[in-house]
C-alpha cells in the first residue's frame, strides 16, 4: 500500500520575488538554499500552463524541508489572496522560539498581522502555546507558532 514518507517543500507563488524575499529571508530569517530559473520543457506539461520560465527560490525550514517561492514569467498572473476561511486558501505554519519578538519584528518592517497581538491558546491539545497569523507581501498567511512551555 502506498504511504507518505516525508515532507519536501511547500510552494508559494509570489508576485515579486525580491519583495517576498524581504519577508521570508530578512523578516523570518529563513536561510536561502538556492535561487534559480526553471525552464525545463516538461514544466508547462506538468503544470498545465504555457509560460516562459519560473524563478524558484528554496528556503530552508529548520528541522527539515523547504519553503519554495515561485515567480512565473511569460504568463498572465492574478492574485489568489484569500482569507483563511475561503476554500482553496492555504497557510504555512512555522515554529518560532519567541512569537512576541517575531511578531514585533515583522510589524516594524511593515508587514500586517491578522490579529492586533499574539494570541494565547487556552484550550485543546496546544493549551499554553502562543500564535499569530502574519500576511506576506502577496497576502499569503504565515502562522507563527510558539510551542507551550515544557512542564
Protein backbone atom coordinates (compact mmCIF):
# COMPACT_ATOMS: atom_id res chain seq x y z
CA UNK A 1 0.00 0.00 0.00
CA UNK A 2 1.43 3.45 -0.88
CA UNK A 3 2.39 5.73 2.03
CA UNK A 4 3.62 9.26 2.65
CA UNK A 5 7.29 9.01 3.60
CA UNK A 6 8.23 12.61 4.43
CA UNK A 7 7.95 16.29 3.65
CA UNK A 8 9.98 18.00 0.89
CA UNK A 9 8.59 21.51 0.37
CA UNK A 10 5.56 23.76 0.32
CA UNK A 11 5.28 26.14 -2.64
CA UNK A 12 4.02 29.72 -2.63
CA UNK A 13 3.58 31.71 -5.85
CA UNK A 14 4.72 35.31 -5.45
CA UNK A 15 4.23 38.49 -7.50
CA UNK A 16 7.72 39.94 -6.90
CA UNK A 17 10.49 37.63 -5.70
CA UNK A 18 12.72 40.33 -4.22
CA UNK A 19 9.82 41.82 -2.25
CA UNK A 20 8.87 38.37 -0.97
CA UNK A 21 12.45 37.52 -0.04
CA UNK A 22 12.48 40.57 2.24
CA UNK A 23 9.64 38.92 4.22
CA UNK A 24 10.82 35.28 4.20
CA UNK A 25 14.59 35.75 4.33
CA UNK A 26 15.09 39.03 6.20
CA UNK A 27 11.85 39.06 8.21
CA UNK A 28 11.51 35.39 9.16
CA UNK A 29 15.23 34.68 8.94
CA UNK A 30 14.91 31.61 6.68
CA UNK A 31 18.21 30.62 5.06
CA UNK A 32 18.27 30.52 1.26
CA UNK A 33 19.26 27.19 -0.30
CA UNK A 34 19.18 28.30 -3.94
CA UNK A 35 17.79 30.80 -6.43
CA UNK A 36 17.44 29.55 -9.98
CA UNK A 37 15.49 29.81 -13.21
CA UNK A 38 13.35 26.78 -14.05
CA UNK A 39 12.73 26.46 -17.77
CA UNK A 40 12.80 22.71 -18.45
CA UNK A 41 10.41 21.68 -21.25
CA UNK A 42 8.43 19.29 -19.01
CA UNK A 43 7.27 22.06 -16.65
CA UNK A 44 4.46 23.51 -18.82
CA UNK A 45 3.09 19.98 -19.28
CA UNK A 46 3.24 19.14 -15.55
CA UNK A 47 1.60 22.45 -14.57
CA UNK A 48 -0.85 22.66 -17.47
CA UNK A 49 0.30 26.24 -18.26
CA UNK A 50 2.20 27.98 -21.01
CA UNK A 51 4.90 30.26 -19.57
CA UNK A 52 8.49 31.18 -20.37
CA UNK A 53 10.15 30.30 -17.05
CA UNK A 54 9.83 30.27 -13.27
CA UNK A 55 12.24 31.88 -10.82
CA UNK A 56 12.39 29.49 -7.87
CA UNK A 57 13.97 30.21 -4.51
CA UNK A 58 14.17 27.47 -1.88
CA UNK A 59 14.46 28.50 1.77
CA UNK A 60 15.43 26.00 4.49
CA UNK A 61 12.94 25.36 7.27
CA UNK A 62 14.86 24.48 10.43
CA UNK A 63 14.07 20.86 11.27
CA UNK A 64 13.54 19.78 7.67
CA UNK A 65 12.00 20.78 4.38
CA UNK A 66 11.80 23.98 2.40
CA UNK A 67 9.55 26.87 1.52
CA UNK A 68 9.61 27.15 -2.27
CA UNK A 69 8.88 30.65 -3.61
CA UNK A 70 7.86 30.73 -7.29
CA UNK A 71 7.66 33.74 -9.60
CA UNK A 72 6.22 32.89 -13.04
CA UNK A 73 7.21 34.82 -16.18
CA UNK A 74 5.60 34.97 -19.60
CA UNK A 75 2.04 34.25 -18.48
CA UNK A 76 -0.88 36.35 -17.21
CA UNK A 77 -0.92 36.28 -13.41
CA UNK A 78 -3.67 37.23 -10.96
CA UNK A 79 -3.82 37.48 -7.17
CA UNK A 80 -5.10 34.43 -5.33
CA UNK A 81 -5.09 36.22 -1.96
CA UNK A 82 -7.86 34.98 0.28
CA UNK A 83 -8.97 34.87 3.88
CA UNK A 84 -8.10 31.77 5.94
CA UNK A 85 -11.78 30.72 5.82
CA UNK A 86 -12.02 30.81 1.99
CA UNK A 87 -11.86 27.37 0.37
CA UNK A 88 -8.68 26.76 -1.54
CA UNK A 89 -6.80 29.04 0.85
CA UNK A 90 -3.66 27.79 2.49
CA UNK A 91 -1.20 28.81 5.12
CA UNK A 92 2.27 27.94 6.27
CA UNK A 93 2.84 27.36 9.99
CA UNK A 94 6.34 27.84 11.36
CA UNK A 95 7.55 27.06 14.87
CA UNK A 96 9.25 30.09 16.43
CA UNK A 97 11.11 30.38 19.71
CA UNK A 98 9.74 33.86 20.58
CA UNK A 99 6.48 34.65 18.82
CA UNK A 100 6.15 38.05 20.52
CA UNK A 101 9.56 39.20 19.23
CA UNK A 102 8.98 37.78 15.72
CA UNK A 103 5.55 39.46 15.53
CA UNK A 104 7.07 42.79 16.64
CA UNK A 105 9.93 42.48 14.14
CA UNK A 106 7.63 41.79 11.18
CA UNK A 107 5.17 44.53 12.15
CA UNK A 108 8.07 47.00 12.49
CA UNK A 109 9.12 46.02 8.94
CA UNK A 110 5.62 46.98 7.71
CA UNK A 111 4.02 43.53 7.43
CA UNK A 112 0.43 43.03 8.55
CA UNK A 113 -0.90 40.63 11.15
CA UNK A 114 -4.45 39.27 11.15
CA UNK A 115 -4.72 39.98 14.89
CA UNK A 116 -3.59 43.06 16.78
CA UNK A 117 -1.38 40.99 19.07
CA UNK A 118 -0.08 37.49 19.68
CA UNK A 119 -2.86 35.22 20.95
CA UNK A 120 -2.58 32.76 23.85
CA UNK A 121 -4.02 29.31 23.07
CA UNK A 122 -6.27 28.49 26.02
CA UNK A 123 -7.96 25.23 25.02
CA UNK A 124 -7.27 21.95 23.27
CA UNK A 125 -4.05 20.00 22.71
CA UNK A 126 -1.95 23.18 22.25
CA UNK A 127 -3.03 24.88 25.51
CA UNK A 128 -0.23 27.17 26.65
CA UNK A 129 1.10 27.79 23.14
CA UNK A 130 1.01 31.24 21.53
CA UNK A 131 0.26 32.10 17.91
CA UNK A 132 -0.38 34.80 15.34
CA UNK A 133 -1.06 34.92 11.62
CA UNK A 134 1.06 37.29 9.52
CA UNK A 135 0.49 38.07 5.84
CA UNK A 136 3.32 38.02 3.34
CA UNK A 137 3.59 40.77 0.67
CA UNK A 138 1.06 38.94 -1.55
CA UNK A 139 -1.47 38.26 1.21
CA UNK A 140 -0.45 34.63 1.90
CA UNK A 141 -0.98 33.63 5.53
CA UNK A 142 2.03 32.59 7.60
CA UNK A 143 1.24 31.35 11.09
CA UNK A 144 3.91 31.82 13.74
CA UNK A 145 3.52 29.21 16.48
CA UNK A 146 5.39 29.11 19.79
CA UNK A 147 5.07 25.73 21.49
CA UNK A 148 3.73 25.59 25.02
CA UNK A 149 6.35 25.63 27.77
CA UNK A 150 7.52 22.14 28.78
CA UNK A 151 6.17 21.15 32.10
